[in-house]
Amino acid sequence: MKQTAFAKFWLLAVAFFVLSACSDMSSEPTLDLSNESAFEASVEQVMQSLDEQSQTEFSDALSLIMFDELMAGTSAGMPEEEIEQAIYQRLHGKTGEQVIQDMEENL
């Protein structure tokens, strides 16, 4: 019986360490577009994680990407909800560097 409890303990310990290794505890903050207040808070967190030059690049990239989606949606006659969804799909969950990279690759 003691061996079984000991084996369970080690199995749980190994599982914990494997899961810990798989999750990135020091991950960069990402954009949260689930609602307006979450978006504002996440933009602030992303900005704080970047150096001064990257902050400027991120701010410019974020504005340009949102404007690009707005113009594309408006030109296509999309309803406001669909434009918001397009912006959400393009930006939600991205880090500051990923937003900058998106702008560099697509605009």
PDB file of N, CA and C in Angstrom:
ATOM      1  N   MET A   1       0.826  -1.188   0.000  1.00  0.00           N
ATOM      2  CA  MET A   1       0.000   0.000   0.000  1.00  0.00           C
ATOM      3  C   MET A   1       0.871   1.252   0.000  1.00  0.00           C
ATOM      4  N   LYS A   2       1.948   1.246   0.780  1.00  0.00           N
ATOM      5  CA  LYS A   2       2.833   2.402   0.821  1.00  0.00           C
ATOM      6  C   LYS A   2       3.478   2.633  -0.537  1.00  0.00           C
ATOM      7  N   GLN A   3       3.799   1.555  -1.233  1.00  0.00           N
ATOM      8  CA  GLN A   3       4.405   1.683  -2.557  1.00  0.00           C
ATOM      9  C   GLN A   3       3.442   2.350  -3.528  1.00  0.00           C
ATOM     10  N   THR A   4       2.173   2.023  -3.444  1.00  0.00           N
ATOM     11  CA  THR A   4       1.180   2.607  -4.330  1.00  0.00           C
ATOM     12  C   THR A   4       1.044   4.105  -4.071  1.00  0.00           C
ATOM     13  N   ALA A   5       0.998   4.507  -2.814  1.00  0.00           N
ATOM     14  CA  ALA A   5       0.905   5.926  -2.474  1.00  0.00           C
ATOM     15  C   ALA A   5       2.154   6.663  -2.937  1.00  0.00           C
ATOM     16  N   PHE A   6       3.310   6.039  -2.751  1.00  0.00           N
ATOM     17  CA  PHE A   6       4.572   6.634  -3.179  1.00  0.00           C
ATOM     18  C   PHE A   6       4.605   6.776  -4.700  1.00  0.00           C
ATOM     19  N   ALA A   7       4.137   5.765  -5.416  1.00  0.00           N
ATOM     20  CA  ALA A   7       4.104   5.801  -6.876  1.00  0.00           C
ATOM     21  C   ALA A   7       3.147   6.892  -7.363  1.00  0.00           C
ATOM     22  N   LYS A   8       2.002   7.028  -6.700  1.00  0.00           N
ATOM     23  CA  LYS A   8       1.050   8.074  -7.066  1.00  0.00           C
ATOM     24  C   LYS A   8       1.661   9.457  -6.845  1.00  0.00           C
ATOM     25  N   PHE A   9       2.365   9.603  -5.724  1.00  0.00           N
ATOM     26  CA  PHE A   9       3.017  10.877  -5.432  1.00  0.00           C
ATOM     27  C   PHE A   9       4.002  11.233  -6.539  1.00  0.00           C
ATOM     28  N   TRP A  10       4.848  10.285  -6.923  1.00  0.00           N
ATOM     29  CA  TRP A  10       5.845  10.555  -7.958  1.00  0.00           C
ATOM     30  C   TRP A  10       5.197  10.795  -9.313  1.00  0.00           C
ATOM     31  N   LEU A  11       4.132  10.083  -9.588  1.00  0.00           N
ATOM     32  CA  LEU A  11       3.415  10.300 -10.839  1.00  0.00           C
ATOM     33  C   LEU A  11       2.841  11.717 -10.890  1.00  0.00           C
ATOM     34  N   LEU A  12       2.255  12.165  -9.794  1.00  0.00           N
ATOM     35  CA  LEU A  12       1.735  13.528  -9.726  1.00  0.00           C
ATOM     36  C   LEU A  12       2.855  14.558  -9.822  1.00  0.00           C
ATOM     37  N   ALA A  13       3.972  14.288  -9.155  1.00  0.00           N
ATOM     38  CA  ALA A  13       5.106  15.210  -9.206  1.00  0.00           C
ATOM     39  C   ALA A  13       5.654  15.325 -10.621  1.00  0.00           C
ATOM     40  N   VAL A  14       5.800  14.203 -11.292  1.00  0.00           N
ATOM     41  CA  VAL A  14       6.299  14.216 -12.671  1.00  0.00           C
ATOM     42  C   VAL A  14       5.309  14.956 -13.576  1.00  0.00           C
ATOM     43  N   ALA A  15       4.019  14.691 -13.404  1.00  0.00           N
ATOM     44  CA  ALA A  15       3.006  15.369 -14.217  1.00  0.00           C
ATOM     45  C   ALA A  15       3.059  16.879 -13.991  1.00  0.00           C
ATOM     46  N   PHE A  16       3.242  17.287 -12.735  1.00  0.00           N
ATOM     47  CA  PHE A  16       3.339  18.711 -12.422  1.00  0.00           C
ATOM     48  C   PHE A  16       4.525  19.350 -13.135  1.00  0.00           C
ATOM     49  N   PHE A  17       5.682  18.707 -13.076  1.00  0.00           N
ATOM     50  CA  PHE A  17       6.870  19.272 -13.704  1.00  0.00           C
ATOM     51  C   PHE A  17       6.760  19.282 -15.227  1.00  0.00           C
ATOM     52  N   VAL A  18       6.139  18.269 -15.792  1.00  0.00           N
ATOM     53  CA  VAL A  18       5.945  18.243 -17.242  1.00  0.00           C
ATOM     54  C   VAL A  18       5.023  19.383 -17.658  1.00  0.00           C
ATOM     55  N   LEU A  19       3.924  19.557 -16.942  1.00  0.00           N
ATOM     56  CA  LEU A  19       3.002  20.644 -17.266  1.00  0.00           C
ATOM     57  C   LEU A  19       3.645  22.002 -17.046  1.00  0.00           C
ATOM     58  N   SER A  20       4.445  22.130 -16.008  1.00  0.00           N
ATOM     59  CA  SER A  20       5.146  23.389 -15.750  1.00  0.00           C
ATOM     60  C   SER A  20       6.115  23.704 -16.874  1.00  0.00           C
ATOM     61  N   ALA A  21       6.795  22.703 -17.365  1.00  0.00           N
ATOM     62  CA  ALA A  21       7.755  22.913 -18.448  1.00  0.00           C
ATOM     63  C   ALA A  21       7.048  23.293 -19.737  1.00  0.00           C
ATOM     64  N   CYS A  22       5.846  22.778 -19.934  1.00  0.00           N
ATOM     65  CA  CYS A  22       5.108  23.073 -21.161  1.00  0.00           C
ATOM     66  C   CYS A  22       4.527  24.479 -21.162  1.00  0.00           C
ATOM     67  N   SER A  23       4.189  24.991 -19.988  1.00  0.00           N
ATOM     68  CA  SER A  23       3.635  26.343 -19.943  1.00  0.00           C
ATOM     69  C   SER A  23       4.758  27.340 -19.780  1.00  0.00           C
ATOM     70  N   ASP A  24       4.641  28.443 -20.487  1.00  0.00           N
ATOM     71  CA  ASP A  24       5.674  29.468 -20.449  1.00  0.00           C
ATOM     72  C   ASP A  24       5.301  30.479 -19.382  1.00  0.00           C
ATOM     73  N   MET A  25       5.887  30.341 -18.193  1.00  0.00           N
ATOM     74  CA  MET A  25       5.562  31.202 -17.071  1.00  0.00           C
ATOM     75  C   MET A  25       5.982  32.647 -17.321  1.00  0.00           C
ATOM     76  N   SER A  26       6.946  32.865 -18.165  1.00  0.00           N
ATOM     77  CA  SER A  26       7.434  34.214 -18.421  1.00  0.00           C
ATOM     78  C   SER A  26       6.932  34.722 -19.770  1.00  0.00           C
ATOM     79  N   SER A  27       5.787  34.239 -20.190  1.00  0.00           N
ATOM     80  CA  SER A  27       5.288  34.619 -21.510  1.00  0.00           C
ATOM     81  C   SER A  27       4.965  36.111 -21.552  1.00  0.00           C
ATOM     82  N   GLU A  28       5.082  36.651 -22.732  1.00  0.00           N
ATOM     83  CA  GLU A  28       4.791  38.061 -22.938  1.00  0.00           C
ATOM     84  C   GLU A  28       3.285  38.285 -22.871  1.00  0.00           C
ATOM     85  N   PRO A  29       2.866  39.471 -22.432  1.00  0.00           N
ATOM     86  CA  PRO A  29       1.430  39.761 -22.420  1.00  0.00           C
ATOM     87  C   PRO A  29       0.882  39.827 -23.846  1.00  0.00           C
ATOM     88  N   THR A  30      -0.374  39.486 -23.977  1.00  0.00           N
ATOM     89  CA  THR A  30      -1.019  39.473 -25.292  1.00  0.00           C
ATOM     90  C   THR A  30      -2.263  40.359 -25.276  1.00  0.00           C
ATOM     91  N   LEU A  31      -2.717  40.704 -26.454  1.00  0.00           N
ATOM     92  CA  LEU A  31      -3.917  41.522 -26.585  1.00  0.00           C
ATOM     93  C   LEU A  31      -5.156  40.691 -26.279  1.00  0.00           C
ATOM     94  N   ASP A  32      -6.064  41.288 -25.529  1.00  0.00           N
ATOM     95  CA  ASP A  32      -7.334  40.658 -25.180  1.00  0.00           C
ATOM     96  C   ASP A  32      -8.447  41.547 -25.729  1.00  0.00           C
ATOM     97  N   LEU A  33      -9.084  41.098 -26.774  1.00  0.00           N
ATOM     98  CA  LEU A  33     -10.145  41.884 -27.396  1.00  0.00           C
ATOM     99  C   LEU A  33     -11.532  41.386 -27.012  1.00  0.00           C
ATOM    100  N   SER A  34     -11.645  40.708 -25.872  1.00  0.00           N
ATOM    101  CA  SER A  34     -12.935  40.158 -25.466  1.00  0.00           C
ATOM    102  C   SER A  34     -13.941  41.249 -25.109  1.00  0.00           C
ATOM    103  N   ASN A  35     -13.455  42.388 -24.615  1.00  0.00           N
ATOM    104  CA  ASN A  35     -14.312  43.552 -24.380  1.00  0.00           C
ATOM    105  C   ASN A  35     -13.424  44.794 -24.316  1.00  0.00           C
ATOM    106  N   GLU A  36     -14.042  45.956 -24.281  1.00  0.00           N
ATOM    107  CA  GLU A  36     -13.282  47.206 -24.377  1.00  0.00           C
ATOM    108  C   GLU A  36     -12.318  47.404 -23.211  1.00  0.00           C
ATOM    109  N   SER A  37     -12.774  47.138 -21.987  1.00  0.00           N
ATOM    110  CA  SER A  37     -11.888  47.349 -20.837  1.00  0.00           C
ATOM    111  C   SER A  37     -10.733  46.349 -20.840  1.00  0.00           C
ATOM    112  N   ALA A  38     -10.989  45.112 -21.248  1.00  0.00           N
ATOM    113  CA  ALA A  38      -9.913  44.116 -21.344  1.00  0.00           C
ATOM    114  C   ALA A  38      -8.915  44.524 -22.419  1.00  0.00           C
ATOM    115  N   PHE A  39      -9.424  45.069 -23.520  1.00  0.00           N
ATOM    116  CA  PHE A  39      -8.547  45.525 -24.596  1.00  0.00           C
ATOM    117  C   PHE A  39      -7.638  46.647 -24.104  1.00  0.00           C
ATOM    118  N   GLU A  40      -8.218  47.644 -23.449  1.00  0.00           N
ATOM    119  CA  GLU A  40      -7.428  48.769 -22.956  1.00  0.00           C
ATOM    120  C   GLU A  40      -6.364  48.308 -21.961  1.00  0.00           C
ATOM    121  N   ALA A  41      -6.745  47.429 -21.048  1.00  0.00           N
ATOM    122  CA  ALA A  41      -5.792  46.923 -20.054  1.00  0.00           C
ATOM    123  C   ALA A  41      -4.687  46.114 -20.719  1.00  0.00           C
ATOM    124  N   SER A  42      -5.047  45.300 -21.706  1.00  0.00           N
ATOM    125  CA  SER A  42      -4.032  44.471 -22.359  1.00  0.00           C
ATOM    126  C   SER A  42      -3.090  45.311 -23.210  1.00  0.00           C
ATOM    127  N   VAL A  43      -3.589  46.375 -23.832  1.00  0.00           N
ATOM    128  CA  VAL A  43      -2.705  47.270 -24.591  1.00  0.00           C
ATOM    129  C   VAL A  43      -1.687  47.886 -23.643  1.00  0.00           C
ATOM    130  N   GLU A  44      -2.138  48.305 -22.471  1.00  0.00           N
ATOM    131  CA  GLU A  44      -1.223  48.887 -21.479  1.00  0.00           C
ATOM    132  C   GLU A  44      -0.167  47.871 -21.049  1.00  0.00           C
ATOM    133  N   GLN A  45      -0.575  46.633 -20.807  1.00  0.00           N
ATOM    134  CA  GLN A  45       0.374  45.589 -20.407  1.00  0.00           C
ATOM    135  C   GLN A  45       1.383  45.305 -21.510  1.00  0.00           C
ATOM    136  N   VAL A  46       0.911  45.232 -22.742  1.00  0.00           N
ATOM    137  CA  VAL A  46       1.813  44.989 -23.869  1.00  0.00           C
ATOM    138  C   VAL A  46       2.795  46.148 -23.995  1.00  0.00           C
ATOM    139  N   MET A  47       2.299  47.376 -23.895  1.00  0.00           N
ATOM    140  CA  MET A  47       3.168  48.555 -24.006  1.00  0.00           C
ATOM    141  C   MET A  47       4.265  48.521 -22.941  1.00  0.00           C
ATOM    142  N   GLN A  48       3.910  48.156 -21.716  1.00  0.00           N
ATOM    143  CA  GLN A  48       4.884  48.117 -20.623  1.00  0.00           C
ATOM    144  C   GLN A  48       5.944  47.047 -20.836  1.00  0.00           C
ATOM    145  N   SER A  49       5.628  46.031 -21.624  1.00  0.00           N
ATOM    146  CA  SER A  49       6.581  44.939 -21.848  1.00  0.00           C
ATOM    147  C   SER A  49       7.587  45.258 -22.953  1.00  0.00           C
ATOM    148  N   LEU A  50       7.373  46.364 -23.664  1.00  0.00           N
ATOM    149  CA  LEU A  50       8.212  46.704 -24.813  1.00  0.00           C
ATOM    150  C   LEU A  50       9.175  47.839 -24.486  1.00  0.00           C
ATOM    151  N   ASP A  51      10.297  47.882 -25.212  1.00  0.00           N
ATOM    152  CA  ASP A  51      11.201  49.025 -25.071  1.00  0.00           C
ATOM    153  C   ASP A  51      10.583  50.222 -25.798  1.00  0.00           C
ATOM    154  N   GLU A  52      11.206  51.389 -25.638  1.00  0.00           N
ATOM    155  CA  GLU A  52      10.625  52.626 -26.157  1.00  0.00           C
ATOM    156  C   GLU A  52      10.399  52.595 -27.671  1.00  0.00           C
ATOM    157  N   GLN A  53      11.364  52.120 -28.416  1.00  0.00           N
ATOM    158  CA  GLN A  53      11.215  52.055 -29.877  1.00  0.00           C
ATOM    159  C   GLN A  53      10.100  51.093 -30.266  1.00  0.00           C
ATOM    160  N   SER A  54      10.061  49.939 -29.615  1.00  0.00           N
ATOM    161  CA  SER A  54       9.023  48.949 -29.918  1.00  0.00           C
ATOM    162  C   SER A  54       7.643  49.454 -29.522  1.00  0.00           C
ATOM    163  N   GLN A  55       7.571  50.271 -28.468  1.00  0.00           N
ATOM    164  CA  GLN A  55       6.281  50.847 -28.078  1.00  0.00           C
ATOM    165  C   GLN A  55       5.712  51.697 -29.211  1.00  0.00           C
ATOM    166  N   THR A  56       6.572  52.510 -29.819  1.00  0.00           N
ATOM    167  CA  THR A  56       6.139  53.347 -30.934  1.00  0.00           C
ATOM    168  C   THR A  56       5.716  52.484 -32.116  1.00  0.00           C
ATOM    169  N   GLU A  57       6.524  51.465 -32.428  1.00  0.00           N
ATOM    170  CA  GLU A  57       6.199  50.566 -33.538  1.00  0.00           C
ATOM    171  C   GLU A  57       4.890  49.830 -33.280  1.00  0.00           C
ATOM    172  N   PHE A  58       4.701  49.370 -32.045  1.00  0.00           N
ATOM    173  CA  PHE A  58       3.478  48.652 -31.680  1.00  0.00           C
ATOM    174  C   PHE A  58       2.263  49.559 -31.815  1.00  0.00           C
ATOM    175  N   SER A  59       2.360  50.760 -31.284  1.00  0.00           N
ATOM    176  CA  SER A  59       1.250  51.703 -31.349  1.00  0.00           C
ATOM    177  C   SER A  59       0.873  52.003 -32.798  1.00  0.00           C
ATOM    178  N   ASP A  60       1.883  52.254 -33.628  1.00  0.00           N
ATOM    179  CA  ASP A  60       1.631  52.504 -35.051  1.00  0.00           C
ATOM    180  C   ASP A  60       1.019  51.281 -35.725  1.00  0.00           C
ATOM    181  N   ALA A  61       1.575  50.110 -35.442  1.00  0.00           N
ATOM    182  CA  ALA A  61       1.089  48.872 -36.057  1.00  0.00           C
ATOM    183  C   ALA A  61      -0.357  48.595 -35.661  1.00  0.00           C
ATOM    184  N   LEU A  62      -0.663  48.772 -34.391  1.00  0.00           N
ATOM    185  CA  LEU A  62      -2.021  48.528 -33.906  1.00  0.00           C
ATOM    186  C   LEU A  62      -3.015  49.448 -34.612  1.00  0.00           C
ATOM    187  N   SER A  63      -2.672  50.721 -34.705  1.00  0.00           N
ATOM    188  CA  SER A  63      -3.553  51.680 -35.380  1.00  0.00           C
ATOM    189  C   SER A  63      -3.725  51.338 -36.855  1.00  0.00           C
ATOM    190  N   LEU A  64      -2.624  51.025 -37.524  1.00  0.00           N
ATOM    191  CA  LEU A  64      -2.693  50.721 -38.955  1.00  0.00           C
ATOM    192  C   LEU A  64      -3.483  49.450 -39.245  1.00  0.00           C
ATOM    193  N   ILE A  65      -3.285  48.428 -38.431  1.00  0.00           N
ATOM    194  CA  ILE A  65      -4.010  47.167 -38.639  1.00  0.00           C
ATOM    195  C   ILE A  65      -5.509  47.375 -38.432  1.00  0.00           C
ATOM    196  N   MET A  66      -5.867  48.080 -37.367  1.00  0.00           N
ATOM    197  CA  MET A  66      -7.285  48.326 -37.112  1.00  0.00           C
ATOM    198  C   MET A  66      -7.891  49.172 -38.236  1.00  0.00           C
ATOM    199  N   PHE A  67      -7.161  50.169 -38.689  1.00  0.00           N
ATOM    200  CA  PHE A  67      -7.637  51.005 -39.792  1.00  0.00           C
ATOM    201  C   PHE A  67      -7.768  50.188 -41.072  1.00  0.00           C
ATOM    202  N   ASP A  68      -6.798  49.321 -41.324  1.00  0.00           N
ATOM    203  CA  ASP A  68      -6.833  48.461 -42.511  1.00  0.00           C
ATOM    204  C   ASP A  68      -8.081  47.580 -42.511  1.00  0.00           C
ATOM    205  N   GLU A  69      -8.372  46.953 -41.379  1.00  0.00           N
ATOM    206  CA  GLU A  69      -9.559  46.093 -41.281  1.00  0.00           C
ATOM    207  C   GLU A  69     -10.837  46.917 -41.409  1.00  0.00           C
ATOM    208  N   LEU A  70     -10.844  48.106 -40.818  1.00  0.00           N
ATOM    209  CA  LEU A  70     -12.010  48.976 -40.908  1.00  0.00           C
ATOM    210  C   LEU A  70     -12.273  49.386 -42.353  1.00  0.00           C
ATOM    211  N   MET A  71     -11.237  49.793 -43.051  1.00  0.00           N
ATOM    212  CA  MET A  71     -11.394  50.215 -44.447  1.00  0.00           C
ATOM    213  C   MET A  71     -11.792  49.041 -45.351  1.00  0.00           C
ATOM    214  N   ALA A  72     -11.172  47.892 -45.143  1.00  0.00           N
ATOM    215  CA  ALA A  72     -11.505  46.715 -45.953  1.00  0.00           C
ATOM    216  C   ALA A  72     -12.959  46.313 -45.732  1.00  0.00           C
ATOM    217  N   GLY A  73     -13.384  46.317 -44.479  1.00  0.00           N
ATOM    218  CA  GLY A  73     -14.761  45.949 -44.168  1.00  0.00           C
ATOM    219  C   GLY A  73     -15.767  46.950 -44.692  1.00  0.00           C
ATOM    220  N   THR A  74     -15.449  48.219 -44.541  1.00  0.00           N
ATOM    221  CA  THR A  74     -16.340  49.270 -45.030  1.00  0.00           C
ATOM    222  C   THR A  74     -16.459  49.210 -46.545  1.00  0.00           C
ATOM    223  N   SER A  75     -15.331  49.025 -47.215  1.00  0.00           N
ATOM    224  CA  SER A  75     -15.334  48.928 -48.684  1.00  0.00           C
ATOM    225  C   SER A  75     -16.151  47.740 -49.168  1.00  0.00           C
ATOM    226  N   ALA A  76     -16.135  46.665 -48.398  1.00  0.00           N
ATOM    227  CA  ALA A  76     -16.875  45.459 -48.774  1.00  0.00           C
ATOM    228  C   ALA A  76     -18.330  45.511 -48.324  1.00  0.00           C
ATOM    229  N   GLY A  77     -18.711  46.604 -47.646  1.00  0.00           N
ATOM    230  CA  GLY A  77     -20.085  46.737 -47.181  1.00  0.00           C
ATOM    231  C   GLY A  77     -20.421  45.835 -46.004  1.00  0.00           C
ATOM    232  N   MET A  78     -19.409  45.452 -45.243  1.00  0.00           N
ATOM    233  CA  MET A  78     -19.627  44.560 -44.101  1.00  0.00           C
ATOM    234  C   MET A  78     -20.308  45.312 -42.959  1.00  0.00           C
ATOM    235  N   PRO A  79     -21.191  44.636 -42.224  1.00  0.00           N
ATOM    236  CA  PRO A  79     -21.774  45.256 -41.033  1.00  0.00           C
ATOM    237  C   PRO A  79     -20.696  45.469 -39.961  1.00  0.00           C
ATOM    238  N   GLU A  80     -20.955  46.385 -39.058  1.00  0.00           N
ATOM    239  CA  GLU A  80     -20.000  46.727 -38.004  1.00  0.00           C
ATOM    240  C   GLU A  80     -19.558  45.498 -37.208  1.00  0.00           C
ATOM    241  N   GLU A  81     -20.486  44.593 -36.914  1.00  0.00           N
ATOM    242  CA  GLU A  81     -20.154  43.396 -36.133  1.00  0.00           C
ATOM    243  C   GLU A  81     -19.122  42.530 -36.850  1.00  0.00           C
ATOM    244  N   GLU A  82     -19.245  42.424 -38.168  1.00  0.00           N
ATOM    245  CA  GLU A  82     -18.288  41.618 -38.935  1.00  0.00           C
ATOM    246  C   GLU A  82     -16.916  42.282 -38.984  1.00  0.00           C
ATOM    247  N   ILE A  83     -16.900  43.600 -39.050  1.00  0.00           N
ATOM    248  CA  ILE A  83     -15.625  44.320 -39.027  1.00  0.00           C
ATOM    249  C   ILE A  83     -14.949  44.117 -37.677  1.00  0.00           C
ATOM    250  N   GLU A  84     -15.729  44.220 -36.598  1.00  0.00           N
ATOM    251  CA  GLU A  84     -15.181  43.985 -35.259  1.00  0.00           C
ATOM    252  C   GLU A  84     -14.634  42.567 -35.147  1.00  0.00           C
ATOM    253  N   GLN A  85     -15.340  41.604 -35.722  1.00  0.00           N
ATOM    254  CA  GLN A  85     -14.883  40.210 -35.691  1.00  0.00           C
ATOM    255  C   GLN A  85     -13.584  40.044 -36.475  1.00  0.00           C
ATOM    256  N   ALA A  86     -13.455  40.735 -37.597  1.00  0.00           N
ATOM    257  CA  ALA A  86     -12.224  40.665 -38.398  1.00  0.00           C
ATOM    258  C   ALA A  86     -11.040  41.233 -37.611  1.00  0.00           C
ATOM    259  N   ILE A  87     -11.274  42.342 -36.904  1.00  0.00           N
ATOM    260  CA  ILE A  87     -10.218  42.933 -36.071  1.00  0.00           C
ATOM    261  C   ILE A  87      -9.859  41.968 -34.948  1.00  0.00           C
ATOM    262  N   TYR A  88     -10.885  41.386 -34.323  1.00  0.00           N
ATOM    263  CA  TYR A  88     -10.664  40.420 -33.243  1.00  0.00           C
ATOM    264  C   TYR A  88      -9.802  39.258 -33.730  1.00  0.00           C
ATOM    265  N   GLN A  89     -10.173  38.689 -34.866  1.00  0.00           N
ATOM    266  CA  GLN A  89      -9.436  37.532 -35.381  1.00  0.00           C
ATOM    267  C   GLN A  89      -7.992  37.879 -35.725  1.00  0.00           C
ATOM    268  N   ARG A  90      -7.774  39.089 -36.154  1.00  0.00           N
ATOM    269  CA  ARG A  90      -6.425  39.475 -36.569  1.00  0.00           C
ATOM    270  C   ARG A  90      -5.526  39.814 -35.388  1.00  0.00           C
ATOM    271  N   LEU A  91      -6.088  40.321 -34.286  1.00  0.00           N
ATOM    272  CA  LEU A  91      -5.254  40.830 -33.199  1.00  0.00           C
ATOM    273  C   LEU A  91      -5.341  40.061 -31.882  1.00  0.00           C
ATOM    274  N   HIS A  92      -6.461  39.439 -31.597  1.00  0.00           N
ATOM    275  CA  HIS A  92      -6.654  38.809 -30.285  1.00  0.00           C
ATOM    276  C   HIS A  92      -5.592  37.748 -30.013  1.00  0.00           C
ATOM    277  N   GLY A  93      -4.958  37.846 -28.860  1.00  0.00           N
ATOM    278  CA  GLY A  93      -3.971  36.855 -28.438  1.00  0.00           C
ATOM    279  C   GLY A  93      -2.563  37.114 -28.939  1.00  0.00           C
ATOM    280  N   LYS A  94      -2.353  38.189 -29.678  1.00  0.00           N
ATOM    281  CA  LYS A  94      -1.015  38.471 -30.204  1.00  0.00           C
ATOM    282  C   LYS A  94      -0.201  39.297 -29.214  1.00  0.00           C
ATOM    283  N   THR A  95       1.102  39.054 -29.218  1.00  0.00           N
ATOM    284  CA  THR A  95       2.033  39.864 -28.433  1.00  0.00           C
ATOM    285  C   THR A  95       2.326  41.152 -29.199  1.00  0.00           C
ATOM    286  N   GLY A  96       3.012  42.064 -28.545  1.00  0.00           N
ATOM    287  CA  GLY A  96       3.405  43.296 -29.212  1.00  0.00           C
ATOM    288  C   GLY A  96       4.258  43.033 -30.433  1.00  0.00           C
ATOM    289  N   GLU A  97       5.220  42.145 -30.299  1.00  0.00           N
ATOM    290  CA  GLU A  97       6.102  41.825 -31.426  1.00  0.00           C
ATOM    291  C   GLU A  97       5.335  41.175 -32.574  1.00  0.00           C
ATOM    292  N   GLN A  98       4.343  40.356 -32.252  1.00  0.00           N
ATOM    293  CA  GLN A  98       3.536  39.727 -33.300  1.00  0.00           C
ATOM    294  C   GLN A  98       2.693  40.755 -34.048  1.00  0.00           C
ATOM    295  N   VAL A  99       2.211  41.769 -33.342  1.00  0.00           N
ATOM    296  CA  VAL A  99       1.441  42.831 -33.991  1.00  0.00           C
ATOM    297  C   VAL A  99       2.346  43.611 -34.939  1.00  0.00           C
ATOM    298  N   ILE A 100       3.553  43.927 -34.479  1.00  0.00           N
ATOM    299  CA  ILE A 100       4.522  44.637 -35.325  1.00  0.00           C
ATOM    300  C   ILE A 100       4.847  43.801 -36.555  1.00  0.00           C
ATOM    301  N   GLN A 101       5.067  42.517 -36.351  1.00  0.00           N
ATOM    302  CA  GLN A 101       5.387  41.617 -37.465  1.00  0.00           C
ATOM    303  C   GLN A 101       4.224  41.535 -38.452  1.00  0.00           C
ATOM    304  N   ASP A 102       3.001  41.476 -37.949  1.00  0.00           N
ATOM    305  CA  ASP A 102       1.817  41.443 -38.812  1.00  0.00           C
ATOM    306  C   ASP A 102       1.799  42.672 -39.716  1.00  0.00           C
ATOM    307  N   MET A 103       2.058  43.840 -39.134  1.00  0.00           N
ATOM    308  CA  MET A 103       2.062  45.061 -39.930  1.00  0.00           C
ATOM    309  C   MET A 103       3.150  45.009 -41.000  1.00  0.00           C
ATOM    310  N   GLU A 104       4.333  44.566 -40.610  1.00  0.00           N
ATOM    311  CA  GLU A 104       5.452  44.518 -41.558  1.00  0.00           C
ATOM    312  C   GLU A 104       5.182  43.554 -42.707  1.00  0.00           C
ATOM    313  N   GLU A 105       4.505  42.455 -42.430  1.00  0.00           N
ATOM    314  CA  GLU A 105       4.249  41.439 -43.448  1.00  0.00           C
ATOM    315  C   GLU A 105       3.038  41.748 -44.323  1.00  0.00           C
ATOM    316  N   ASN A 106       2.066  42.455 -43.782  1.00  0.00           N
ATOM    317  CA  ASN A 106       0.789  42.588 -44.484  1.00  0.00           C
ATOM    318  C   ASN A 106       0.417  43.996 -44.921  1.00  0.00           C
ATOM    319  N   LEU A 107       1.160  44.988 -44.488  1.00  0.00           N
ATOM    320  CA  LEU A 107       0.795  46.363 -44.887  1.00  0.00           C
ATOM    321  C   LEU A 107       1.937  47.025 -45.612  1.00  0.00           C
TER     322      LEU A 107
END
